Amino acid sequence: MRQTLTIAVDFDGTIVEHAYPKIGKPILFAVETLKALQKRNHRLVLWTIREGRYLEEAIAYCEKQGLTFYAINETFPGEGFEEGQSRKVNVDLFIDDRNVGGLPPWGEIWKMIEGDEMEMAKEASKKGFLQRIFGG
């Protein structure tokens, strides 16, 4: 049986290109990969420096793409933080463009976590993802 992971995912530079405080252009295969990871029962935590209105815009962007999160800037829903307490989350791994070496391509991230490319490829082709990107 495959282990279920809790995975923290950054927003700017990871799901979308850097354009803060605006929402940047989508990073190729980010949303599709994250949705495929959720289908494999991994829990995703949106872990971002965004707060207030800018956080709400990021959440809305993801929801519009069909991507929802187990928790946002917390380890589990409703965790809450007190003034002066660190917002560091307790997760199994982080996906962030600030990793040593930068953000690998999303296909590589998938292989690191799941070890194969089949599910991600199925997810990408299911809704004509490549067709939406390249037209046709």
C-alpha atoms as a PDB file:
ATOM      1  CA  MET A   1       0.000   0.000   0.000  1.00  0.00           C
ATOM      2  CA  ARG A   2       1.279   3.425  -0.988  1.00  0.00           C
ATOM      3  CA  GLN A   3       1.916   5.964   1.780  1.00  0.00           C
ATOM      4  CA  THR A   4      -0.361   8.988   1.935  1.00  0.00           C
ATOM      5  CA  LEU A   5       1.695  12.167   2.215  1.00  0.00           C
ATOM      6  CA  THR A   6       0.858  15.647   3.414  1.00  0.00           C
ATOM      7  CA  ILE A   7       2.506  17.999   0.940  1.00  0.00           C
ATOM      8  CA  ALA A   8       2.956  21.757   1.371  1.00  0.00           C
ATOM      9  CA  VAL A   9       2.811  23.638  -1.933  1.00  0.00           C
ATOM     10  CA  ASP A  10       3.896  27.219  -2.483  1.00  0.00           C
ATOM     11  CA  PHE A  11       1.870  29.413  -4.853  1.00  0.00           C
ATOM     12  CA  ASP A  12       4.001  32.149  -6.479  1.00  0.00           C
ATOM     13  CA  GLY A  13       6.771  30.647  -8.591  1.00  0.00           C
ATOM     14  CA  THR A  14       5.428  27.127  -8.024  1.00  0.00           C
ATOM     15  CA  ILE A  15       1.813  26.956  -9.230  1.00  0.00           C
ATOM     16  CA  VAL A  16       2.020  30.223 -11.169  1.00  0.00           C
ATOM     17  CA  GLU A  17       4.928  32.366 -12.353  1.00  0.00           C
ATOM     18  CA  HIS A  18       6.104  35.169 -10.068  1.00  0.00           C
ATOM     19  CA  ALA A  19       3.982  38.305 -10.505  1.00  0.00           C
ATOM     20  CA  TYR A  20       3.108  39.100  -6.868  1.00  0.00           C
ATOM     21  CA  PRO A  21       0.829  40.767  -5.889  1.00  0.00           C
ATOM     22  CA  LYS A  22      -0.878  39.809  -9.143  1.00  0.00           C
ATOM     23  CA  ILE A  23      -1.541  36.220 -10.181  1.00  0.00           C
ATOM     24  CA  GLY A  24       1.161  35.092 -12.596  1.00  0.00           C
ATOM     25  CA  LYS A  25       0.788  32.901 -15.653  1.00  0.00           C
ATOM     26  CA  PRO A  26       0.167  29.207 -14.942  1.00  0.00           C
ATOM     27  CA  ILE A  27       3.231  26.985 -14.693  1.00  0.00           C
ATOM     28  CA  LEU A  28       2.858  24.109 -17.129  1.00  0.00           C
ATOM     29  CA  PHE A  29       1.374  20.952 -15.530  1.00  0.00           C
ATOM     30  CA  ALA A  30       1.361  22.365 -11.968  1.00  0.00           C
ATOM     31  CA  VAL A  31      -2.393  22.180 -11.370  1.00  0.00           C
ATOM     32  CA  GLU A  32      -2.782  18.900 -13.272  1.00  0.00           C
ATOM     33  CA  THR A  33      -0.007  17.267 -11.266  1.00  0.00           C
ATOM     34  CA  LEU A  34      -1.407  18.483  -7.954  1.00  0.00           C
ATOM     35  CA  LYS A  35      -4.894  17.228  -8.831  1.00  0.00           C
ATOM     36  CA  ALA A  36      -3.446  13.844  -9.824  1.00  0.00           C
ATOM     37  CA  LEU A  37      -1.597  13.680  -6.479  1.00  0.00           C
ATOM     38  CA  GLN A  38      -4.890  14.357  -4.704  1.00  0.00           C
ATOM     39  CA  LYS A  39      -6.494  11.498  -6.635  1.00  0.00           C
ATOM     40  CA  ARG A  40      -3.803   9.292  -5.099  1.00  0.00           C
ATOM     41  CA  ASN A  41      -5.025  10.474  -1.663  1.00  0.00           C
ATOM     42  CA  HIS A  42      -2.181  12.849  -0.848  1.00  0.00           C
ATOM     43  CA  ARG A  43      -3.202  15.866   1.236  1.00  0.00           C
ATOM     44  CA  LEU A  44      -2.174  19.238  -0.186  1.00  0.00           C
ATOM     45  CA  VAL A  45      -1.542  22.262   2.002  1.00  0.00           C
ATOM     46  CA  LEU A  46      -1.288  25.660   0.321  1.00  0.00           C
ATOM     47  CA  TRP A  47       1.731  27.199   2.029  1.00  0.00           C
ATOM     48  CA  THR A  48       2.321  30.769   0.905  1.00  0.00           C
ATOM     49  CA  ILE A  49       3.428  34.141   2.186  1.00  0.00           C
ATOM     50  CA  ARG A  50       0.211  35.595   0.753  1.00  0.00           C
ATOM     51  CA  GLU A  51      -2.269  36.981   3.276  1.00  0.00           C
ATOM     52  CA  GLY A  52      -5.586  38.777   3.217  1.00  0.00           C
ATOM     53  CA  ARG A  53      -6.912  39.770  -0.187  1.00  0.00           C
ATOM     54  CA  TYR A  54      -3.889  38.375  -2.022  1.00  0.00           C
ATOM     55  CA  LEU A  55      -4.319  34.985  -0.349  1.00  0.00           C
ATOM     56  CA  GLU A  56      -8.025  34.978  -1.229  1.00  0.00           C
ATOM     57  CA  GLU A  57      -7.133  35.710  -4.865  1.00  0.00           C
ATOM     58  CA  ALA A  58      -4.693  32.768  -4.929  1.00  0.00           C
ATOM     59  CA  ILE A  59      -7.290  30.436  -3.399  1.00  0.00           C
ATOM     60  CA  ALA A  60      -9.910  31.620  -5.909  1.00  0.00           C
ATOM     61  CA  TYR A  61      -7.489  31.066  -8.785  1.00  0.00           C
ATOM     62  CA  CYS A  62      -6.830  27.487  -7.659  1.00  0.00           C
ATOM     63  CA  GLU A  63     -10.515  26.751  -7.094  1.00  0.00           C
ATOM     64  CA  LYS A  64     -11.302  28.037 -10.592  1.00  0.00           C
ATOM     65  CA  GLN A  65      -8.809  25.433 -11.858  1.00  0.00           C
ATOM     66  CA  GLY A  66     -10.579  22.730  -9.818  1.00  0.00           C
ATOM     67  CA  LEU A  67      -7.823  22.579  -7.201  1.00  0.00           C
ATOM     68  CA  THR A  68      -8.773  22.777  -3.530  1.00  0.00           C
ATOM     69  CA  PHE A  69      -6.518  22.288  -0.534  1.00  0.00           C
ATOM     70  CA  TYR A  70      -6.742  20.221   2.633  1.00  0.00           C
ATOM     71  CA  ALA A  71      -5.512  23.251   4.595  1.00  0.00           C
ATOM     72  CA  ILE A  72      -4.177  26.733   3.905  1.00  0.00           C
ATOM     73  CA  ASN A  73      -1.106  28.023   5.741  1.00  0.00           C
ATOM     74  CA  GLU A  74      -1.733  25.489   8.519  1.00  0.00           C
ATOM     75  CA  THR A  75      -1.024  21.811   9.075  1.00  0.00           C
ATOM     76  CA  PHE A  76      -4.691  20.873   9.338  1.00  0.00           C
ATOM     77  CA  PRO A  77      -7.976  22.789   8.898  1.00  0.00           C
ATOM     78  CA  GLY A  78      -8.702  25.030  11.880  1.00  0.00           C
ATOM     79  CA  GLU A  79      -5.237  24.706  13.438  1.00  0.00           C
ATOM     80  CA  GLY A  80      -4.854  28.455  13.928  1.00  0.00           C
ATOM     81  CA  PHE A  81      -1.827  30.328  15.177  1.00  0.00           C
ATOM     82  CA  GLU A  82      -1.279  32.730  18.046  1.00  0.00           C
ATOM     83  CA  GLU A  83       0.465  36.081  17.666  1.00  0.00           C
ATOM     84  CA  GLY A  84       4.214  35.562  17.338  1.00  0.00           C
ATOM     85  CA  GLN A  85       3.883  31.821  16.649  1.00  0.00           C
ATOM     86  CA  SER A  86       5.652  30.440  13.599  1.00  0.00           C
ATOM     87  CA  ARG A  87       3.445  29.515  10.634  1.00  0.00           C
ATOM     88  CA  LYS A  88       5.700  26.603   9.758  1.00  0.00           C
ATOM     89  CA  VAL A  89       3.579  23.591   8.896  1.00  0.00           C
ATOM     90  CA  ASN A  90       4.233  19.974   9.854  1.00  0.00           C
ATOM     91  CA  VAL A  91       4.172  18.117   6.524  1.00  0.00           C
ATOM     92  CA  ASP A  92       6.007  15.266   4.831  1.00  0.00           C
ATOM     93  CA  LEU A  93       7.483  17.414   2.057  1.00  0.00           C
ATOM     94  CA  PHE A  94       7.441  20.860   0.487  1.00  0.00           C
ATOM     95  CA  ILE A  95       7.113  21.810  -3.172  1.00  0.00           C
ATOM     96  CA  ASP A  96       8.546  25.298  -3.565  1.00  0.00           C
ATOM     97  CA  ASP A  97      10.507  27.216  -6.185  1.00  0.00           C
ATOM     98  CA  ARG A  98      12.936  28.231  -3.425  1.00  0.00           C
ATOM     99  CA  ASN A  99      14.193  24.640  -3.075  1.00  0.00           C
ATOM    100  CA  VAL A 100      17.927  24.169  -3.386  1.00  0.00           C
ATOM    101  CA  GLY A 101      18.349  23.902  -7.143  1.00  0.00           C
ATOM    102  CA  GLY A 102      14.988  25.567  -7.851  1.00  0.00           C
ATOM    103  CA  LEU A 103      11.686  24.035  -8.875  1.00  0.00           C
ATOM    104  CA  PRO A 104      12.074  20.894 -10.982  1.00  0.00           C
ATOM    105  CA  PRO A 105       9.639  20.419 -13.878  1.00  0.00           C
ATOM    106  CA  TRP A 106       6.296  19.103 -12.621  1.00  0.00           C
ATOM    107  CA  GLY A 107       6.813  15.781 -14.411  1.00  0.00           C
ATOM    108  CA  GLU A 108       9.969  15.273 -12.349  1.00  0.00           C
ATOM    109  CA  ILE A 109       8.123  16.218  -9.158  1.00  0.00           C
ATOM    110  CA  TRP A 110       5.506  13.578  -9.992  1.00  0.00           C
ATOM    111  CA  LYS A 111       8.205  10.935 -10.534  1.00  0.00           C
ATOM    112  CA  MET A 112       9.897  11.839  -7.226  1.00  0.00           C
ATOM    113  CA  ILE A 113       6.636  11.333  -5.341  1.00  0.00           C
ATOM    114  CA  GLU A 114       4.871   8.594  -7.304  1.00  0.00           C
ATOM    115  CA  GLY A 115       7.637   6.985  -9.357  1.00  0.00           C
ATOM    116  CA  ASP A 116       5.710   6.814 -12.633  1.00  0.00           C
ATOM    117  CA  GLU A 117       4.250   9.151 -15.217  1.00  0.00           C
ATOM    118  CA  MET A 118       1.134   7.263 -16.287  1.00  0.00           C
ATOM    119  CA  GLU A 119      -1.439   8.835 -13.945  1.00  0.00           C
ATOM    120  CA  MET A 120      -0.234  12.366 -14.658  1.00  0.00           C
ATOM    121  CA  ALA A 121      -0.334  11.743 -18.403  1.00  0.00           C
ATOM    122  CA  LYS A 122      -3.869  10.347 -18.143  1.00  0.00           C
ATOM    123  CA  GLU A 123      -4.989  13.362 -16.118  1.00  0.00           C
ATOM    124  CA  ALA A 124      -3.439  15.811 -18.585  1.00  0.00           C
ATOM    125  CA  SER A 125      -5.073  14.185 -21.600  1.00  0.00           C
ATOM    126  CA  LYS A 126      -8.445  13.528 -19.971  1.00  0.00           C
ATOM    127  CA  LYS A 127      -9.860  17.015 -20.407  1.00  0.00           C
ATOM    128  CA  GLY A 128      -7.928  17.962 -23.512  1.00  0.00           C
ATOM    129  CA  PHE A 129      -5.307  19.785 -21.466  1.00  0.00           C
ATOM    130  CA  LEU A 130      -2.717  19.846 -24.238  1.00  0.00           C
ATOM    131  CA  GLN A 131      -5.393  20.885 -26.711  1.00  0.00           C
ATOM    132  CA  ARG A 132      -6.353  23.839 -24.473  1.00  0.00           C
ATOM    133  CA  ILE A 133      -2.713  24.942 -24.280  1.00  0.00           C
ATOM    134  CA  PHE A 134      -1.681  24.455 -27.889  1.00  0.00           C
ATOM    135  CA  GLY A 135      -5.069  24.863 -29.590  1.00  0.00           C
ATOM    136  CA  GLY A 136      -6.394  22.643 -32.294  1.00  0.00           C
END
